Every structure is written in structure tokens, then in C-alpha cells.
Amino acid sequence: MTATFRTIGIMSFGASYRLARLAAVLAAALLAGLAQTSAQTPSTAVAGVDAALLEDMVIGSRVLADFGVLDGFGHVSARHPTNPTHFLMARSLAPALVTADDIMEFDLDGNAVDARGRTVFLERFIHGEIYKARPDVMSVVHTHSPGVIPFSVTKVPLRAMFHNPSFLGVGVPVWDIRKDFGDTDMLVSNPVLGKSLAQTLGDKPVVLMRGHGDVAVGPSVKMAVFRAYYTDVNAKLQSQAIALGGEVTYLTPGEGEKGDKINFIVIDRIWNLWRMRILPTLAK
């Protein structure tokens, strides 16, 4: 009899243990699911700004990092949707790590509206001064794109190679910080430098920065990110074409103008693909 009770006790203990273990696993799975849902749903980190815009900024930062257009440096910004004298940009953080909660609000002089002790990008003046000069611009992307650097330090102009980067057909100016400011640390660290860069950009969608990188602008975050990505792609392909030798056939200005109109029609096709690529990383 004692042995029988002992056996039943052991069986009861084993069943209880298995039930407890199952409950723990289910609880962990539930918590993970909640964490993932929270991570994939951008919070409204800035008052009065729709979560969809913040998500676009996060997706743009991360996808450009994923493609190697951005590394630990560079940034994506957006003009504030209801206050055109302010803009949004993440705190000083590697683009691949940006979340909606990292996005801050700035005035066009680069002053944080509510810093809360967070560090800010030194080159935020690139963004503020371009927004001042270009009322049509709703987003600015600054990269250290490896593809464009050779075109920023040589006399070879960056020209449109195919239809996606057709926006380059209007010409790509090069801003040389040394021309007006002598030897510097190459960074756009004050409004005077930012204004000079904005003046060189003029009415163009892209400007190269000698020995530094480039800036792409657009009427939306999606389009500015699109232009930053395809500027790098175009630069790499142009280098390859030049290396083959012989004459290179570029898009004409007319082809560039017509091709860029199509970009606005199909932008969501590539953006939705990029979004699908990036959303799973937000749960990490």
C-alpha cells in the first residue's frame, strides 16, 4: 500500500511539474508576443505627429543601414507635418538602431524642443538649413554613401545611368567645404556651414559633399530615402561602366524628367517591400 501511494505521489508530482512547465512556456510566449506587437507598433513619440510618419522615418533609417548606404553615421529627417518651422530627427544614434521613441523635434536652428538629456546629431544643421531654403522639401537624408565618395573628389560628374535614379538627370552639384571655410573637420556643425550646403543644393534633389558623402531631399520620407538609395546604386554602376572603357550612354535630361515622374507613381511598390524587410527587426 505504501509503495502504491509513493508511486501515485511520484506520478502526481511529475504531472504537476509538466503542467507548471507548460504554463511557464505559454506565459513566456505570451510576453514575447506582446513585446513583438509593441515593438512593431511605433508609438507617437512626438506630440501631434502621426505614428505612420514616425514609422516611415524608422523604416528609412534601418533599410538604408541594411543596404550599406548608412553605417553607424548619417540620418533621416522629416519636416514637422503641422509646423513647417520645425523638423523631426532621431537622437544621436546609429541608424540601424532607431525606433519611434528616439525621434525628437527641433526648430530650424537645430534647437531641440524637448531634449530630456538626450544627445543630438552634430550635423543637424544640414537639415534645418535645407528646410529653411526649400519650402518644397519634406524630408532630408544625409549619408556617407561609399558609392558617391569617388564622384565627390574627382572631376567626373555623377550622371543618371538608368530609370530609377532618373532624378539625377537634372545634375548633381558638389559642395566643397574648403572652398569658403578653409581646413575644417569636414562636418556641417553650425548653421553657416549648413546654409552654404543648402545654397549649393539649390533646387536639385541631391548634392554631393566633397570627401564626405551626400544629401538627398524629397517631398516625403519615402522619396528622400528612395533617392538616397538609388544615388548610391547609380554611383556604383557608373564607376563600373567607366571602368569598362569606351563611351558611356547616360540618360538625357528629358529621359530623366519623364523617368522621375514614374518614380512617384510606383514608390509604394518598393517601399512596401522595404517595410516588410525591416518590420521583423523592430521586435529585436
C-alpha atoms as a PDB file:
ATOM      1  CA  MET A   1       0.000   0.000   0.000  1.00  0.00           C
ATOM      2  CA  THR A   2       2.772   2.417   0.919  1.00  0.00           C
ATOM      3  CA  ALA A   3       4.539   1.671  -2.332  1.00  0.00           C
ATOM      4  CA  THR A   4       1.324   2.325  -4.241  1.00  0.00           C
ATOM      5  CA  PHE A   5       0.852   5.740  -2.605  1.00  0.00           C
ATOM      6  CA  ARG A   6       4.507   6.517  -3.287  1.00  0.00           C
ATOM      7  CA  THR A   7       4.002   5.698  -6.967  1.00  0.00           C
ATOM      8  CA  ILE A   8       0.857   7.829  -7.158  1.00  0.00           C
ATOM      9  CA  GLY A   9       2.701  10.675  -5.423  1.00  0.00           C
ATOM     10  CA  ILE A  10       5.550  10.498  -7.901  1.00  0.00           C
ATOM     11  CA  MET A  11       3.099  10.481 -10.799  1.00  0.00           C
ATOM     12  CA  SER A  12       1.233  13.463  -9.322  1.00  0.00           C
ATOM     13  CA  PHE A  13       4.457  15.356  -8.838  1.00  0.00           C
ATOM     14  CA  GLY A  14       5.511  14.631 -12.421  1.00  0.00           C
ATOM     15  CA  ALA A  15       2.166  15.758 -13.803  1.00  0.00           C
ATOM     16  CA  SER A  16       2.258  18.941 -11.729  1.00  0.00           C
ATOM     17  CA  TYR A  17       5.781  19.679 -12.891  1.00  0.00           C
ATOM     18  CA  ARG A  18       4.805  19.239 -16.518  1.00  0.00           C
ATOM     19  CA  LEU A  19       1.770  21.478 -16.069  1.00  0.00           C
ATOM     20  CA  ALA A  20       3.854  24.147 -14.365  1.00  0.00           C
ATOM     21  CA  ARG A  21       6.454  23.958 -17.102  1.00  0.00           C
ATOM     22  CA  LEU A  22       3.770  24.220 -19.796  1.00  0.00           C
ATOM     23  CA  ALA A  23       2.275  27.252 -18.038  1.00  0.00           C
ATOM     24  CA  ALA A  24       5.685  28.920 -17.901  1.00  0.00           C
ATOM     25  CA  VAL A  25       6.261  28.312 -21.614  1.00  0.00           C
ATOM     26  CA  LEU A  26       2.840  29.712 -22.508  1.00  0.00           C
ATOM     27  CA  ALA A  27       3.435  32.779 -20.324  1.00  0.00           C
ATOM     28  CA  ALA A  28       6.814  33.394 -21.949  1.00  0.00           C
ATOM     29  CA  ALA A  29       5.274  33.051 -25.408  1.00  0.00           C
ATOM     30  CA  LEU A  30       2.514  35.495 -24.475  1.00  0.00           C
ATOM     31  CA  LEU A  31       5.002  38.032 -23.167  1.00  0.00           C
ATOM     32  CA  ALA A  32       7.148  37.655 -26.295  1.00  0.00           C
ATOM     33  CA  GLY A  33       4.095  38.196 -28.460  1.00  0.00           C
ATOM     34  CA  LEU A  34       3.165  41.331 -26.559  1.00  0.00           C
ATOM     35  CA  ALA A  35       6.731  42.622 -26.805  1.00  0.00           C
ATOM     36  CA  GLN A  36       6.784  41.971 -30.544  1.00  0.00           C
ATOM     37  CA  THR A  37       3.448  43.727 -31.061  1.00  0.00           C
ATOM     38  CA  SER A  38       4.678  46.698 -29.061  1.00  0.00           C
ATOM     39  CA  ALA A  39       7.963  46.821 -30.964  1.00  0.00           C
ATOM     40  CA  GLN A  40       6.238  46.703 -34.333  1.00  0.00           C
ATOM     41  CA  THR A  41       3.731  49.422 -33.479  1.00  0.00           C
ATOM     42  CA  PRO A  42       5.540  52.783 -33.411  1.00  0.00           C
ATOM     43  CA  SER A  43       4.430  54.969 -30.530  1.00  0.00           C
ATOM     44  CA  THR A  44       3.646  58.620 -31.028  1.00  0.00           C
ATOM     45  CA  ALA A  45       6.926  59.832 -29.566  1.00  0.00           C
ATOM     46  CA  VAL A  46       6.349  63.442 -30.684  1.00  0.00           C
ATOM     47  CA  ALA A  47       3.090  65.180 -29.840  1.00  0.00           C
ATOM     48  CA  GLY A  48       0.877  65.894 -32.817  1.00  0.00           C
ATOM     49  CA  VAL A  49       2.797  63.629 -35.193  1.00  0.00           C
ATOM     50  CA  ASP A  50       1.072  60.636 -36.750  1.00  0.00           C
ATOM     51  CA  ALA A  51       2.640  57.260 -35.950  1.00  0.00           C
ATOM     52  CA  ALA A  52       2.814  56.442 -39.674  1.00  0.00           C
ATOM     53  CA  LEU A  53       5.321  59.256 -40.275  1.00  0.00           C
ATOM     54  CA  LEU A  54       7.486  58.068 -37.395  1.00  0.00           C
ATOM     55  CA  GLU A  55       7.375  54.546 -38.798  1.00  0.00           C
ATOM     56  CA  ASP A  56       8.495  55.840 -42.216  1.00  0.00           C
ATOM     57  CA  MET A  57      11.483  57.501 -40.549  1.00  0.00           C
ATOM     58  CA  VAL A  58      12.360  54.298 -38.688  1.00  0.00           C
ATOM     59  CA  ILE A  59      11.960  52.143 -41.808  1.00  0.00           C
ATOM     60  CA  GLY A  60      14.008  54.617 -43.867  1.00  0.00           C
ATOM     61  CA  SER A  61      16.853  54.726 -41.340  1.00  0.00           C
ATOM     62  CA  ARG A  62      17.001  50.969 -40.954  1.00  0.00           C
ATOM     63  CA  VAL A  63      16.660  49.993 -44.596  1.00  0.00           C
ATOM     64  CA  LEU A  64      19.430  52.378 -45.674  1.00  0.00           C
ATOM     65  CA  ALA A  65      21.626  50.870 -42.962  1.00  0.00           C
ATOM     66  CA  ASP A  66      20.658  47.384 -44.122  1.00  0.00           C
ATOM     67  CA  PHE A  67      21.744  48.224 -47.666  1.00  0.00           C
ATOM     68  CA  GLY A  68      25.020  49.795 -46.519  1.00  0.00           C
ATOM     69  CA  VAL A  69      24.107  53.312 -47.647  1.00  0.00           C
ATOM     70  CA  LEU A  70      24.251  54.326 -43.982  1.00  0.00           C
ATOM     71  CA  ASP A  71      26.529  52.760 -41.380  1.00  0.00           C
ATOM     72  CA  GLY A  72      26.924  53.993 -37.812  1.00  0.00           C
ATOM     73  CA  PHE A  73      26.523  57.529 -39.108  1.00  0.00           C
ATOM     74  CA  GLY A  74      24.032  59.504 -41.190  1.00  0.00           C
ATOM     75  CA  HIS A  75      20.438  60.458 -40.532  1.00  0.00           C
ATOM     76  CA  VAL A  76      16.898  60.717 -41.888  1.00  0.00           C
ATOM     77  CA  SER A  77      14.683  63.682 -41.017  1.00  0.00           C
ATOM     78  CA  ALA A  78      11.181  64.909 -41.820  1.00  0.00           C
ATOM     79  CA  ARG A  79       9.619  68.341 -41.709  1.00  0.00           C
ATOM     80  CA  HIS A  80       7.018  68.552 -38.940  1.00  0.00           C
ATOM     81  CA  PRO A  81       3.655  67.890 -40.658  1.00  0.00           C
ATOM     82  CA  THR A  82       1.752  70.665 -38.852  1.00  0.00           C
ATOM     83  CA  ASN A  83       4.565  73.083 -38.002  1.00  0.00           C
ATOM     84  CA  PRO A  84       6.765  73.767 -41.058  1.00  0.00           C
ATOM     85  CA  THR A  85       9.258  75.708 -38.913  1.00  0.00           C
ATOM     86  CA  HIS A  86      10.174  72.515 -37.055  1.00  0.00           C
ATOM     87  CA  PHE A  87      11.577  69.159 -38.131  1.00  0.00           C
ATOM     88  CA  LEU A  88      11.881  65.651 -36.730  1.00  0.00           C
ATOM     89  CA  MET A  89      15.066  63.620 -36.393  1.00  0.00           C
ATOM     90  CA  ALA A  90      16.308  60.829 -34.149  1.00  0.00           C
ATOM     91  CA  ARG A  91      18.603  61.422 -31.218  1.00  0.00           C
ATOM     92  CA  SER A  92      22.290  60.734 -31.895  1.00  0.00           C
ATOM     93  CA  LEU A  93      22.114  57.022 -32.626  1.00  0.00           C
ATOM     94  CA  ALA A  94      23.247  54.547 -35.291  1.00  0.00           C
ATOM     95  CA  PRO A  95      20.513  54.440 -37.981  1.00  0.00           C
ATOM     96  CA  ALA A  96      20.080  50.669 -37.670  1.00  0.00           C
ATOM     97  CA  LEU A  97      19.017  51.134 -34.034  1.00  0.00           C
ATOM     98  CA  VAL A  98      16.492  53.949 -34.462  1.00  0.00           C
ATOM     99  CA  THR A  99      12.986  53.451 -33.047  1.00  0.00           C
ATOM    100  CA  ALA A 100       9.988  55.777 -32.950  1.00  0.00           C
ATOM    101  CA  ASP A 101      10.782  56.643 -29.323  1.00  0.00           C
ATOM    102  CA  ASP A 102      14.182  58.015 -30.409  1.00  0.00           C
ATOM    103  CA  ILE A 103      12.704  60.671 -32.672  1.00  0.00           C
ATOM    104  CA  MET A 104      12.894  64.239 -31.424  1.00  0.00           C
ATOM    105  CA  GLU A 105      11.534  67.614 -32.507  1.00  0.00           C
ATOM    106  CA  PHE A 106      13.800  70.542 -33.479  1.00  0.00           C
ATOM    107  CA  ASP A 107      13.334  74.098 -34.638  1.00  0.00           C
ATOM    108  CA  LEU A 108      15.029  75.085 -37.898  1.00  0.00           C
ATOM    109  CA  ASP A 109      18.004  76.490 -35.978  1.00  0.00           C
ATOM    110  CA  GLY A 110      18.708  72.989 -34.668  1.00  0.00           C
ATOM    111  CA  ASN A 111      17.453  73.545 -31.130  1.00  0.00           C
ATOM    112  CA  ALA A 112      15.744  70.545 -29.543  1.00  0.00           C
ATOM    113  CA  VAL A 113      12.213  71.283 -28.347  1.00  0.00           C
ATOM    114  CA  ASP A 114      12.392  68.758 -25.513  1.00  0.00           C
ATOM    115  CA  ALA A 115      15.877  67.262 -25.248  1.00  0.00           C
ATOM    116  CA  ARG A 116      15.315  65.474 -21.913  1.00  0.00           C
ATOM    117  CA  GLY A 117      19.047  64.893 -21.646  1.00  0.00           C
ATOM    118  CA  ARG A 118      19.283  63.101 -24.995  1.00  0.00           C
ATOM    119  CA  THR A 119      22.323  63.690 -27.212  1.00  0.00           C
ATOM    120  CA  VAL A 120      21.674  65.148 -30.656  1.00  0.00           C
ATOM    121  CA  PHE A 121      23.404  64.880 -34.013  1.00  0.00           C
ATOM    122  CA  LEU A 122      26.196  67.368 -34.593  1.00  0.00           C
ATOM    123  CA  GLU A 123      25.164  67.787 -38.242  1.00  0.00           C
ATOM    124  CA  ARG A 124      21.504  68.569 -37.626  1.00  0.00           C
ATOM    125  CA  PHE A 125      22.212  71.944 -39.269  1.00  0.00           C
ATOM    126  CA  ILE A 126      22.247  70.189 -42.657  1.00  0.00           C
ATOM    127  CA  HIS A 127      18.560  69.521 -42.182  1.00  0.00           C
ATOM    128  CA  GLY A 128      17.456  72.790 -40.608  1.00  0.00           C
ATOM    129  CA  GLU A 129      19.120  74.991 -43.218  1.00  0.00           C
ATOM    130  CA  ILE A 130      17.760  72.965 -46.138  1.00  0.00           C
ATOM    131  CA  TYR A 131      14.243  73.192 -44.707  1.00  0.00           C
ATOM    132  CA  LYS A 132      14.714  76.947 -44.422  1.00  0.00           C
ATOM    133  CA  ALA A 133      15.858  77.257 -48.044  1.00  0.00           C
ATOM    134  CA  ARG A 134      13.488  74.734 -49.614  1.00  0.00           C
ATOM    135  CA  PRO A 135       9.800  75.005 -48.613  1.00  0.00           C
ATOM    136  CA  ASP A 136       9.048  72.137 -51.005  1.00  0.00           C
ATOM    137  CA  VAL A 137      11.287  69.692 -49.117  1.00  0.00           C
ATOM    138  CA  MET A 138       9.561  67.482 -46.560  1.00  0.00           C
ATOM    139  CA  SER A 139      12.437  65.076 -45.867  1.00  0.00           C
ATOM    140  CA  VAL A 140      16.243  65.154 -45.862  1.00  0.00           C
ATOM    141  CA  VAL A 141      18.637  62.198 -45.822  1.00  0.00           C
ATOM    142  CA  HIS A 142      22.362  62.597 -45.167  1.00  0.00           C
ATOM    143  CA  THR A 143      24.588  59.614 -45.951  1.00  0.00           C
ATOM    144  CA  HIS A 144      28.252  58.711 -46.180  1.00  0.00           C
ATOM    145  CA  SER A 145      27.426  56.518 -49.176  1.00  0.00           C
ATOM    146  CA  PRO A 146      30.565  54.648 -50.293  1.00  0.00           C
ATOM    147  CA  GLY A 147      29.445  54.758 -53.909  1.00  0.00           C
ATOM    148  CA  VAL A 148      29.318  58.540 -54.172  1.00  0.00           C
ATOM    149  CA  ILE A 149      32.609  59.418 -52.479  1.00  0.00           C
ATOM    150  CA  PRO A 150      34.723  58.991 -55.663  1.00  0.00           C
ATOM    151  CA  PHE A 151      32.426  61.380 -57.518  1.00  0.00           C
ATOM    152  CA  SER A 152      32.759  63.954 -54.747  1.00  0.00           C
ATOM    153  CA  VAL A 153      36.575  64.075 -55.003  1.00  0.00           C
ATOM    154  CA  THR A 154      37.120  63.840 -58.776  1.00  0.00           C
ATOM    155  CA  LYS A 155      36.041  65.887 -61.775  1.00  0.00           C
ATOM    156  CA  VAL A 156      33.782  63.074 -63.025  1.00  0.00           C
ATOM    157  CA  PRO A 157      30.155  64.226 -62.654  1.00  0.00           C
ATOM    158  CA  LEU A 158      27.554  61.835 -61.279  1.00  0.00           C
ATOM    159  CA  ARG A 159      25.016  61.226 -64.056  1.00  0.00           C
ATOM    160  CA  ALA A 160      21.848  59.175 -64.376  1.00  0.00           C
ATOM    161  CA  MET A 161      22.560  55.645 -65.607  1.00  0.00           C
ATOM    162  CA  PHE A 162      19.056  54.147 -65.680  1.00  0.00           C
ATOM    163  CA  HIS A 163      15.425  54.919 -64.930  1.00  0.00           C
ATOM    164  CA  ASN A 164      15.274  54.510 -61.127  1.00  0.00           C
ATOM    165  CA  PRO A 165      17.873  57.236 -60.426  1.00  0.00           C
ATOM    166  CA  SER A 166      16.449  59.373 -63.251  1.00  0.00           C
ATOM    167  CA  PHE A 167      16.154  62.252 -60.756  1.00  0.00           C
ATOM    168  CA  LEU A 168      19.919  62.689 -61.199  1.00  0.00           C
ATOM    169  CA  GLY A 169      19.285  63.822 -64.773  1.00  0.00           C
ATOM    170  CA  VAL A 170      18.883  67.436 -63.645  1.00  0.00           C
ATOM    171  CA  GLY A 171      22.510  67.465 -62.490  1.00  0.00           C
ATOM    172  CA  VAL A 172      24.297  66.792 -59.222  1.00  0.00           C
ATOM    173  CA  PRO A 173      26.259  69.700 -57.702  1.00  0.00           C
ATOM    174  CA  VAL A 174      29.271  69.127 -55.453  1.00  0.00           C
ATOM    175  CA  TRP A 175      29.726  71.163 -52.282  1.00  0.00           C
ATOM    176  CA  ASP A 176      33.343  71.675 -51.247  1.00  0.00           C
ATOM    177  CA  ILE A 177      33.510  72.883 -47.653  1.00  0.00           C
ATOM    178  CA  ARG A 178      37.127  74.005 -48.103  1.00  0.00           C
ATOM    179  CA  LYS A 179      36.262  76.500 -50.822  1.00  0.00           C
ATOM    180  CA  ASP A 180      34.787  79.049 -48.410  1.00  0.00           C
ATOM    181  CA  PHE A 181      35.839  77.763 -45.000  1.00  0.00           C
ATOM    182  CA  GLY A 182      39.411  76.502 -45.389  1.00  0.00           C
ATOM    183  CA  ASP A 183      40.618  73.455 -43.488  1.00  0.00           C
ATOM    184  CA  THR A 184      37.827  72.062 -41.297  1.00  0.00           C
ATOM    185  CA  ASP A 185      36.901  68.746 -39.703  1.00  0.00           C
ATOM    186  CA  MET A 186      34.623  68.241 -42.771  1.00  0.00           C
ATOM    187  CA  LEU A 187      31.471  68.242 -40.631  1.00  0.00           C
ATOM    188  CA  VAL A 188      28.487  70.578 -41.030  1.00  0.00           C
ATOM    189  CA  SER A 189      28.473  71.587 -37.402  1.00  0.00           C
ATOM    190  CA  ASN A 190      26.897  75.056 -37.473  1.00  0.00           C
ATOM    191  CA  PRO A 191      24.186  76.992 -39.357  1.00  0.00           C
ATOM    192  CA  VAL A 192      26.669  78.901 -41.527  1.00  0.00           C
ATOM    193  CA  LEU A 193      28.025  75.668 -42.994  1.00  0.00           C
ATOM    194  CA  GLY A 194      24.513  74.292 -43.357  1.00  0.00           C
ATOM    195  CA  LYS A 195      23.360  77.376 -45.236  1.00  0.00           C
ATOM    196  CA  SER A 196      26.292  77.125 -47.624  1.00  0.00           C
ATOM    197  CA  LEU A 197      25.452  73.484 -48.332  1.00  0.00           C
ATOM    198  CA  ALA A 198      21.779  74.355 -48.899  1.00  0.00           C
ATOM    199  CA  GLN A 199      22.772  77.072 -51.372  1.00  0.00           C
ATOM    200  CA  THR A 200      24.848  74.594 -53.376  1.00  0.00           C
ATOM    201  CA  LEU A 201      21.976  72.088 -53.369  1.00  0.00           C
ATOM    202  CA  GLY A 202      19.777  74.808 -54.879  1.00  0.00           C
ATOM    203  CA  ASP A 203      16.668  73.305 -56.449  1.00  0.00           C
ATOM    204  CA  LYS A 204      18.257  69.885 -57.064  1.00  0.00           C
ATOM    205  CA  PRO A 205      17.258  66.598 -55.391  1.00  0.00           C
ATOM    206  CA  VAL A 206      20.829  65.561 -54.494  1.00  0.00           C
ATOM    207  CA  VAL A 207      24.079  67.297 -53.593  1.00  0.00           C
ATOM    208  CA  LEU A 208      27.439  65.609 -53.072  1.00  0.00           C
ATOM    209  CA  MET A 209      29.733  66.699 -50.248  1.00  0.00           C
ATOM    210  CA  ARG A 210      33.397  66.600 -51.163  1.00  0.00           C
ATOM    211  CA  GLY A 211      35.192  63.867 -49.239  1.00  0.00           C
ATOM    212  CA  HIS A 212      32.153  63.310 -47.042  1.00  0.00           C
ATOM    213  CA  GLY A 213      29.008  61.887 -48.643  1.00  0.00           C
ATOM    214  CA  ASP A 214      25.775  63.292 -49.972  1.00  0.00           C
ATOM    215  CA  VAL A 215      22.361  64.725 -49.150  1.00  0.00           C
ATOM    216  CA  ALA A 216      19.129  63.642 -50.827  1.00  0.00           C
ATOM    217  CA  VAL A 217      15.852  65.509 -50.398  1.00  0.00           C
ATOM    218  CA  GLY A 218      12.257  64.853 -51.340  1.00  0.00           C
ATOM    219  CA  PRO A 219       8.600  65.723 -50.828  1.00  0.00           C
ATOM    220  CA  SER A 220       8.239  62.739 -48.477  1.00  0.00           C
ATOM    221  CA  VAL A 221      10.386  60.455 -46.352  1.00  0.00           C
ATOM    222  CA  LYS A 222       9.751  57.636 -48.805  1.00  0.00           C
ATOM    223  CA  MET A 223      11.029  59.639 -51.763  1.00  0.00           C
ATOM    224  CA  ALA A 224      14.067  61.040 -49.953  1.00  0.00           C
ATOM    225  CA  VAL A 225      15.077  57.519 -48.860  1.00  0.00           C
ATOM    226  CA  PHE A 226      14.420  56.211 -52.392  1.00  0.00           C
ATOM    227  CA  ARG A 227      16.715  58.895 -53.790  1.00  0.00           C
ATOM    228  CA  ALA A 228      19.439  58.256 -51.227  1.00  0.00           C
ATOM    229  CA  TYR A 229      19.421  54.546 -52.039  1.00  0.00           C
ATOM    230  CA  TYR A 230      19.382  54.859 -55.826  1.00  0.00           C
ATOM    231  CA  THR A 231      22.018  57.605 -55.793  1.00  0.00           C
ATOM    232  CA  ASP A 232      24.388  55.075 -54.244  1.00  0.00           C
ATOM    233  CA  VAL A 233      23.320  52.342 -56.697  1.00  0.00           C
ATOM    234  CA  ASN A 234      23.799  54.690 -59.646  1.00  0.00           C
ATOM    235  CA  ALA A 235      27.246  55.778 -58.451  1.00  0.00           C
ATOM    236  CA  LYS A 236      28.454  52.178 -58.174  1.00  0.00           C
ATOM    237  CA  LEU A 237      27.102  51.277 -61.620  1.00  0.00           C
ATOM    238  CA  GLN A 238      28.603  54.396 -63.180  1.00  0.00           C
ATOM    239  CA  SER A 239      32.011  53.512 -61.735  1.00  0.00           C
ATOM    240  CA  GLN A 240      31.672  50.032 -63.243  1.00  0.00           C
ATOM    241  CA  ALA A 241      30.643  51.412 -66.636  1.00  0.00           C
ATOM    242  CA  ILE A 242      33.564  53.854 -66.708  1.00  0.00           C
ATOM    243  CA  ALA A 243      35.949  51.049 -65.760  1.00  0.00           C
ATOM    244  CA  LEU A 244      34.802  49.012 -68.779  1.00  0.00           C
ATOM    245  CA  GLY A 245      36.240  51.708 -71.044  1.00  0.00           C
ATOM    246  CA  GLY A 246      34.665  53.400 -74.019  1.00  0.00           C
ATOM    247  CA  GLU A 247      31.855  55.905 -74.132  1.00  0.00           C
ATOM    248  CA  VAL A 248      29.045  55.656 -71.582  1.00  0.00           C
ATOM    249  CA  THR A 249      25.485  56.447 -72.650  1.00  0.00           C
ATOM    250  CA  TYR A 250      23.649  58.366 -69.941  1.00  0.00           C
ATOM    251  CA  LEU A 251      20.021  59.409 -69.657  1.00  0.00           C
ATOM    252  CA  THR A 252      19.200  62.710 -71.309  1.00  0.00           C
ATOM    253  CA  PRO A 253      17.600  65.447 -69.194  1.00  0.00           C
ATOM    254  CA  GLY A 254      14.295  64.706 -70.952  1.00  0.00           C
ATOM    255  CA  GLU A 255      14.517  60.996 -70.124  1.00  0.00           C
ATOM    256  CA  GLY A 256      15.384  61.902 -66.565  1.00  0.00           C
ATOM    257  CA  GLU A 257      12.350  64.146 -66.197  1.00  0.00           C
ATOM    258  CA  LYS A 258       9.951  61.555 -67.605  1.00  0.00           C
ATOM    259  CA  GLY A 259      11.517  58.724 -65.619  1.00  0.00           C
ATOM    260  CA  ASP A 260      11.264  60.597 -62.335  1.00  0.00           C
ATOM    261  CA  LYS A 261       7.525  61.078 -62.824  1.00  0.00           C
ATOM    262  CA  ILE A 262       7.149  57.296 -62.857  1.00  0.00           C
ATOM    263  CA  ASN A 263       9.100  57.033 -59.588  1.00  0.00           C
ATOM    264  CA  PHE A 264       6.330  58.951 -57.835  1.00  0.00           C
ATOM    265  CA  ILE A 265       3.722  56.555 -59.196  1.00  0.00           C
ATOM    266  CA  VAL A 266       5.497  53.331 -58.165  1.00  0.00           C
ATOM    267  CA  ILE A 267       7.187  54.421 -54.918  1.00  0.00           C
ATOM    268  CA  ASP A 268       4.883  52.345 -52.708  1.00  0.00           C
ATOM    269  CA  ARG A 269       5.832  49.140 -54.536  1.00  0.00           C
ATOM    270  CA  ILE A 270       9.442  49.345 -53.395  1.00  0.00           C
ATOM    271  CA  TRP A 271       8.566  50.941 -50.052  1.00  0.00           C
ATOM    272  CA  ASN A 272       6.219  48.106 -49.072  1.00  0.00           C
ATOM    273  CA  LEU A 273       8.963  45.623 -49.905  1.00  0.00           C
ATOM    274  CA  TRP A 274      11.439  47.542 -47.736  1.00  0.00           C
ATOM    275  CA  ARG A 275       8.897  47.802 -44.941  1.00  0.00           C
ATOM    276  CA  MET A 276       8.343  44.036 -44.986  1.00  0.00           C
ATOM    277  CA  ARG A 277      12.115  43.577 -44.872  1.00  0.00           C
ATOM    278  CA  ILE A 278      12.543  45.816 -41.826  1.00  0.00           C
ATOM    279  CA  LEU A 279       9.482  45.268 -39.606  1.00  0.00           C
ATOM    280  CA  PRO A 280      10.717  41.931 -38.177  1.00  0.00           C
ATOM    281  CA  THR A 281      13.866  43.687 -36.917  1.00  0.00           C
ATOM    282  CA  LEU A 282      11.796  46.045 -34.771  1.00  0.00           C
ATOM    283  CA  ALA A 283      10.973  43.176 -32.404  1.00  0.00           C
ATOM    284  CA  LYS A 284      14.656  42.635 -31.616  1.00  0.00           C
END
